[in-house]
């Protein structure tokens, strides 16, 4: 079985690594000069020193998880991490150029409650979720968060790709003035990266269309920073999910939550039987959400998790 076949069939990274290393070393030793080869050896072994910090890394490859890496010797967190959060949900936009959504406010509220946080201090919806208020509340969190605490920043609503960046659309967003009225994901990442440098942990959750298009470069964000996306760059995030009397799921516009948020919250709230008992860890929760969202959407939506937070991080 070649490397691509192994990846497509979700073979554990530990099974692929020796083969991959052999290929890289043989190719590099043949093509590179001595000085370049020495630099390669330095960078390669530095990479090996960084790997144990990654308890879980996943992205999309042919609509399948590429890397599924569990570092067996990494200790499990002793208990739930202390958390602070901001959950933003926007479904009604005054601009005629932006289509209204459904249930984004409910999604933000359900996520907030599922993580055990207080909506009175952690929730912004619709008219409350202006560009200025979102950034003000985020800056307060950034200043207040303590080392070893987890800062959760979640946005549910519209997202747009423009100017080689990904933008979140606050309540007053104008499609004709993206730079002046929307929030750049590059700005958000720089702000939350400053938290990680101080020893805190950060989890960015996006339930927006094309969420995976955010340019998250692991090498630029030191410390514990991870992004959990509702879908890959080329996919839409299903807007409504309703549970029927038979217990099966389907899409319509009669009520409920977004597909991603439904399973994210369900994993935290119910700890569904038949799934990993460690579902409330970051790794366990992501595996559950990915499996359920991909299956329920019939392969149309694939959540992504990328970053440097430990997979064993206990969320609740």
Protein backbone atom coordinates (compact mmCIF):
# COMPACT_ATOMS: atom_id res chain seq x y z
CA UNK A 1 0.00 0.00 0.00
CA UNK A 2 1.53 3.37 -1.02
CA UNK A 3 1.62 6.47 1.18
CA UNK A 4 -1.42 8.10 -0.37
CA UNK A 5 -3.45 4.92 0.10
CA UNK A 6 -2.39 4.72 3.73
CA UNK A 7 -3.41 8.32 4.33
CA UNK A 8 -6.72 7.94 2.54
CA UNK A 9 -7.51 4.87 4.65
CA UNK A 10 -6.64 6.75 7.88
CA UNK A 11 -3.74 4.52 8.87
CA UNK A 12 -2.28 5.83 12.14
CA UNK A 13 0.62 8.22 11.67
CA UNK A 14 2.85 5.99 13.78
CA UNK A 15 2.57 3.33 11.07
CA UNK A 16 3.45 5.78 8.29
CA UNK A 17 6.25 7.70 9.98
CA UNK A 18 9.16 5.23 9.45
CA UNK A 19 8.37 4.89 5.74
CA UNK A 20 7.96 8.64 5.34
CA UNK A 21 11.23 9.37 7.15
CA UNK A 22 13.14 6.91 4.93
CA UNK A 23 11.84 8.59 1.78
CA UNK A 24 12.68 12.09 2.99
CA UNK A 25 16.19 11.17 4.18
CA UNK A 26 17.13 9.27 1.03
CA UNK A 27 15.80 12.00 -1.26
CA UNK A 28 17.44 14.81 0.69
CA UNK A 29 20.82 13.07 0.91
CA UNK A 30 20.85 12.60 -2.84
CA UNK A 31 19.71 16.10 -3.84
CA UNK A 32 21.24 18.36 -1.19
CA UNK A 33 24.82 19.53 -0.78
CA UNK A 34 26.68 19.10 2.51
CA UNK A 35 25.75 22.49 4.03
CA UNK A 36 22.12 22.12 2.98
CA UNK A 37 22.10 18.57 4.29
CA UNK A 38 23.38 19.77 7.67
CA UNK A 39 20.61 22.35 7.83
CA UNK A 40 18.11 19.66 6.89
CA UNK A 41 19.33 17.41 9.72
CA UNK A 42 19.02 20.29 12.19
CA UNK A 43 15.48 21.18 11.05
CA UNK A 44 14.42 17.53 10.91
CA UNK A 45 15.50 16.71 14.44
CA UNK A 46 13.99 19.95 15.69
CA UNK A 47 10.74 18.76 14.07
CA UNK A 48 11.02 15.46 15.94
CA UNK A 49 11.41 17.37 19.20
CA UNK A 50 8.20 19.29 18.45
CA UNK A 51 6.10 16.25 17.48
CA UNK A 52 5.44 15.01 21.06
CA UNK A 53 3.68 18.32 21.75
CA UNK A 54 1.09 17.41 19.12
CA UNK A 55 -1.30 14.91 20.70
CA UNK A 56 -3.68 15.33 17.81
CA UNK A 57 -3.40 16.87 14.36
CA UNK A 58 -5.96 16.50 11.63
CA UNK A 59 -6.88 18.09 8.33
CA UNK A 60 -8.62 17.03 5.13
CA UNK A 61 -7.14 14.81 2.42
CA UNK A 62 -9.61 13.49 -0.14
CA UNK A 63 -12.31 14.30 2.44
CA UNK A 64 -10.68 12.04 5.03
CA UNK A 65 -8.61 12.69 8.12
CA UNK A 66 -4.97 12.80 7.08
CA UNK A 67 -3.11 12.48 10.33
CA UNK A 68 -4.56 10.75 13.34
CA UNK A 69 -1.74 10.90 15.82
CA UNK A 70 -2.07 9.88 19.46
CA UNK A 71 1.16 10.16 21.42
CA UNK A 72 0.82 7.24 23.83
CA UNK A 73 3.32 8.49 26.38
CA UNK A 74 1.65 11.88 26.83
CA UNK A 75 -0.13 11.98 30.23
CA UNK A 76 -3.82 12.67 30.37
CA UNK A 77 -4.86 15.96 31.93
CA UNK A 78 -5.82 15.42 35.59
CA UNK A 79 -9.18 17.15 35.24
CA UNK A 80 -11.18 19.78 33.37
CA UNK A 81 -9.18 22.86 32.51
CA UNK A 82 -10.36 26.24 33.86
CA UNK A 83 -12.09 28.12 31.04
CA UNK A 84 -13.07 31.59 29.89
CA UNK A 85 -14.96 32.15 26.67
CA UNK A 86 -16.73 34.35 24.18
CA UNK A 87 -19.45 32.84 21.98
CA UNK A 88 -20.75 34.90 19.06
CA UNK A 89 -23.82 34.00 17.00
CA UNK A 90 -25.21 36.19 14.20
CA UNK A 91 -28.21 35.19 12.12
CA UNK A 92 -29.90 38.50 11.23
CA UNK A 93 -27.99 41.07 9.19
CA UNK A 94 -29.43 44.55 8.46
CA UNK A 95 -27.49 44.80 5.19
CA UNK A 96 -29.63 43.69 2.19
CA UNK A 97 -26.45 42.33 0.59
CA UNK A 98 -26.07 39.63 3.27
CA UNK A 99 -28.54 36.77 3.57
CA UNK A 100 -29.98 36.03 7.00
CA UNK A 101 -29.21 32.68 8.62
CA UNK A 102 -31.09 30.49 11.07
CA UNK A 103 -30.24 29.25 14.58
CA UNK A 104 -26.80 30.91 14.89
CA UNK A 105 -27.85 32.55 18.15
CA UNK A 106 -29.05 29.20 19.47
CA UNK A 107 -25.80 27.61 18.32
CA UNK A 108 -23.71 30.12 20.25
CA UNK A 109 -25.90 29.71 23.34
CA UNK A 110 -25.78 25.91 23.21
CA UNK A 111 -22.00 25.86 22.79
CA UNK A 112 -21.62 28.26 25.72
CA UNK A 113 -23.76 26.08 28.00
CA UNK A 114 -22.15 22.84 26.79
CA UNK A 115 -18.74 24.15 27.87
CA UNK A 116 -20.20 25.07 31.26
CA UNK A 117 -19.91 28.85 30.88
CA UNK A 118 -22.36 31.66 31.77
CA UNK A 119 -24.25 33.20 28.81
CA UNK A 120 -24.68 36.43 30.78
CA UNK A 121 -20.98 37.16 30.45
CA UNK A 122 -19.88 34.97 27.52
CA UNK A 123 -22.52 35.43 24.80
CA UNK A 124 -23.04 38.01 22.03
CA UNK A 125 -25.84 37.59 19.47
CA UNK A 126 -27.19 39.67 16.59
CA UNK A 127 -27.36 43.42 17.53
CA UNK A 128 -24.95 42.81 20.42
CA UNK A 129 -22.38 41.28 18.06
CA UNK A 130 -21.04 44.40 16.38
CA UNK A 131 -17.45 44.60 15.24
CA UNK A 132 -16.48 46.96 18.07
CA UNK A 133 -18.20 44.93 20.81
CA UNK A 134 -16.73 41.62 19.66
CA UNK A 135 -13.20 43.03 19.64
CA UNK A 136 -13.72 44.82 22.97
CA UNK A 137 -14.95 41.68 24.71
CA UNK A 138 -12.17 39.63 23.17
CA UNK A 139 -9.53 42.10 24.39
CA UNK A 140 -10.97 41.94 27.92
CA UNK A 141 -10.68 38.15 27.84
CA UNK A 142 -7.13 38.35 26.53
CA UNK A 143 -6.16 40.63 29.41
CA UNK A 144 -7.93 38.55 32.09
CA UNK A 145 -6.99 35.00 31.10
CA UNK A 146 -4.42 33.37 33.35
CA UNK A 147 -1.62 30.90 32.57
CA UNK A 148 -2.90 27.32 32.13
CA UNK A 149 -6.49 28.54 31.59
CA UNK A 150 -8.31 27.81 28.31
CA UNK A 151 -9.73 30.72 26.31
CA UNK A 152 -12.50 29.61 23.93
CA UNK A 153 -13.52 31.99 21.15
CA UNK A 154 -16.41 30.75 19.02
CA UNK A 155 -18.11 32.39 16.05
CA UNK A 156 -21.25 31.11 14.32
CA UNK A 157 -22.47 33.01 11.27
CA UNK A 158 -21.24 34.06 7.85
CA UNK A 159 -17.62 34.04 6.75
CA UNK A 160 -16.10 35.40 3.55
CA UNK A 161 -12.81 34.91 1.72
CA UNK A 162 -11.37 38.19 0.44
CA UNK A 163 -7.98 39.88 -0.03
CA UNK A 164 -6.21 36.55 0.54
CA UNK A 165 -7.68 36.40 4.05
CA UNK A 166 -10.73 34.99 5.81
CA UNK A 167 -13.15 37.47 7.39
CA UNK A 168 -15.90 37.02 9.99
CA UNK A 169 -19.06 39.03 9.38
CA UNK A 170 -20.35 40.91 12.45
CA UNK A 171 -23.88 42.27 12.73
CA UNK A 172 -23.26 45.47 10.74
CA UNK A 173 -21.15 43.81 8.02
CA UNK A 174 -21.42 45.17 4.49
CA UNK A 175 -20.49 42.91 1.59
CA UNK A 176 -19.38 46.00 -0.35
CA UNK A 177 -16.95 47.06 2.39
CA UNK A 178 -15.35 43.91 3.75
CA UNK A 179 -12.18 45.60 5.00
CA UNK A 180 -14.07 48.32 6.84
CA UNK A 181 -16.89 46.31 8.40
CA UNK A 182 -15.71 42.70 8.85
CA UNK A 183 -13.13 41.13 11.17
CA UNK A 184 -9.95 39.67 9.73
CA UNK A 185 -9.06 36.18 10.91
CA UNK A 186 -5.39 37.19 10.72
CA UNK A 187 -6.07 39.85 13.36
CA UNK A 188 -7.92 37.38 15.60
CA UNK A 189 -5.10 34.83 15.35
CA UNK A 190 -2.48 37.42 16.27
CA UNK A 191 -4.51 38.50 19.30
CA UNK A 192 -5.07 34.99 20.62
CA UNK A 193 -1.46 34.03 19.90
CA UNK A 194 -0.39 36.66 22.44
CA UNK A 195 -2.39 34.71 25.05
CA UNK A 196 -0.53 31.49 24.26
CA UNK A 197 2.82 33.24 24.66
CA UNK A 198 1.80 34.00 28.26
CA UNK A 199 1.16 30.33 29.03
CA UNK A 200 -2.61 30.17 28.50
CA UNK A 201 -4.33 27.85 26.02
CA UNK A 202 -6.60 28.93 23.16
CA UNK A 203 -9.32 27.10 21.22
CA UNK A 204 -10.88 28.93 18.26
CA UNK A 205 -14.18 27.39 17.10
CA UNK A 206 -15.70 28.40 13.77
CA UNK A 207 -19.12 27.29 12.56
CA UNK A 208 -19.05 29.20 9.28
CA UNK A 209 -18.97 28.24 5.61
CA UNK A 210 -15.46 27.61 4.25
CA UNK A 211 -14.11 27.85 7.82
CA UNK A 212 -11.07 25.70 7.00
CA UNK A 213 -9.82 28.41 4.63
CA UNK A 214 -8.25 30.29 7.54
CA UNK A 215 -4.51 30.52 7.05
CA UNK A 216 -3.31 28.87 10.25
CA UNK A 217 0.46 28.45 10.07
CA UNK A 218 1.63 26.27 12.96
CA UNK A 219 5.13 27.69 12.83
CA UNK A 220 3.88 31.21 13.61
CA UNK A 221 1.81 30.39 16.68
CA UNK A 222 3.86 29.14 19.61
CA UNK A 223 2.21 27.58 22.65
CA UNK A 224 -1.17 25.93 22.93
CA UNK A 225 -3.36 27.25 20.10
CA UNK A 226 -5.84 25.12 18.12
CA UNK A 227 -8.62 25.80 15.62
CA UNK A 228 -11.72 23.63 15.32
CA UNK A 229 -13.48 24.26 12.01
CA UNK A 230 -16.99 23.14 11.09
CA UNK A 231 -15.94 22.32 7.52
CA UNK A 232 -13.06 22.27 5.05
CA UNK A 233 -12.17 25.27 2.82
CA UNK A 234 -14.33 24.17 -0.11
CA UNK A 235 -17.38 23.11 1.91
CA UNK A 236 -20.50 24.77 3.31
CA UNK A 237 -21.50 24.46 6.94
CA UNK A 238 -24.98 22.91 7.18
CA UNK A 239 -27.33 25.49 8.69
CA UNK A 240 -30.04 23.43 10.37
CA UNK A 241 -30.23 20.03 11.98
CA UNK A 242 -33.44 18.58 13.41
CA UNK A 243 -33.88 15.40 15.40
CA UNK A 244 -36.96 13.47 14.36
CA UNK A 245 -39.11 11.12 16.46
CA UNK A 246 -37.26 8.13 15.02
CA UNK A 247 -33.97 9.52 16.27
CA UNK A 248 -32.48 10.01 12.82
CA UNK A 249 -31.20 13.34 11.60
CA UNK A 250 -32.04 15.35 8.50
CA UNK A 251 -31.73 18.89 7.22
CA UNK A 252 -34.62 21.37 7.02
CA UNK A 253 -35.61 24.84 8.20
CA UNK A 254 -38.07 24.05 11.00
CA UNK A 255 -35.71 24.49 13.94
CA UNK A 256 -32.72 23.09 15.81
CA UNK A 257 -29.01 23.78 15.59
CA UNK A 258 -26.39 23.77 12.90
CA UNK A 259 -25.12 20.28 12.13
CA UNK A 260 -21.64 20.93 13.53
CA UNK A 261 -22.85 22.60 16.73
CA UNK A 262 -25.44 19.88 17.30
CA UNK A 263 -22.83 17.15 17.53
CA UNK A 264 -20.23 19.35 19.25
CA UNK A 265 -22.67 20.13 22.06
CA UNK A 266 -24.08 16.61 22.15
CA UNK A 267 -20.64 15.15 22.65
CA UNK A 268 -20.04 17.44 25.62
CA UNK A 269 -23.55 17.16 27.10
CA UNK A 270 -24.49 13.52 26.70
CA UNK A 271 -21.25 11.59 26.25
CA UNK A 272 -23.05 9.25 23.78
CA UNK A 273 -22.76 5.53 24.53
CA UNK A 274 -20.61 3.49 22.19
CA UNK A 275 -18.03 6.25 21.79
CA UNK A 276 -14.67 6.82 23.42
CA UNK A 277 -15.15 7.46 27.16
CA UNK A 278 -12.59 10.24 26.74
CA UNK A 279 -14.97 12.08 24.40
CA UNK A 280 -14.70 15.19 26.54
CA UNK A 281 -11.01 15.51 25.71
CA UNK A 282 -10.15 17.58 22.66
CA UNK A 283 -9.07 14.48 20.72
CA UNK A 284 -12.11 12.40 21.68
CA UNK A 285 -14.58 15.20 20.98
CA UNK A 286 -13.11 15.92 17.55
CA UNK A 287 -13.17 12.26 16.52
CA UNK A 288 -16.84 12.01 17.53
CA UNK A 289 -17.85 15.27 15.79
CA UNK A 290 -15.96 14.40 12.60
CA UNK A 291 -17.52 10.94 12.36
CA UNK A 292 -21.09 12.10 13.03
CA UNK A 293 -21.02 15.22 10.85
CA UNK A 294 -19.43 13.42 7.89
CA UNK A 295 -21.90 10.54 8.14
CA UNK A 296 -25.01 12.68 8.64
CA UNK A 297 -24.12 15.07 5.82
CA UNK A 298 -23.44 12.07 3.54
CA UNK A 299 -19.87 13.18 2.97
CA UNK A 300 -20.70 16.83 2.22
CA UNK A 301 -19.14 18.32 5.37
CA UNK A 302 -15.90 17.41 7.15
CA UNK A 303 -14.85 19.27 10.32
CA UNK A 304 -11.16 19.99 10.81
CA UNK A 305 -8.91 20.35 13.85
CA UNK A 306 -5.44 21.84 13.58
CA UNK A 307 -3.11 23.27 16.18
CA UNK A 308 -0.82 22.56 19.10
CA UNK A 309 -3.18 21.92 22.03
CA UNK A 310 -2.74 18.51 23.65
CA UNK A 311 -5.32 15.98 22.48
CA UNK A 312 -5.66 14.85 26.08
CA UNK A 313 -6.85 18.30 27.19
CA UNK A 314 -10.00 17.73 29.30
CA UNK A 315 -12.65 20.24 28.23
CA UNK A 316 -15.38 19.67 30.84
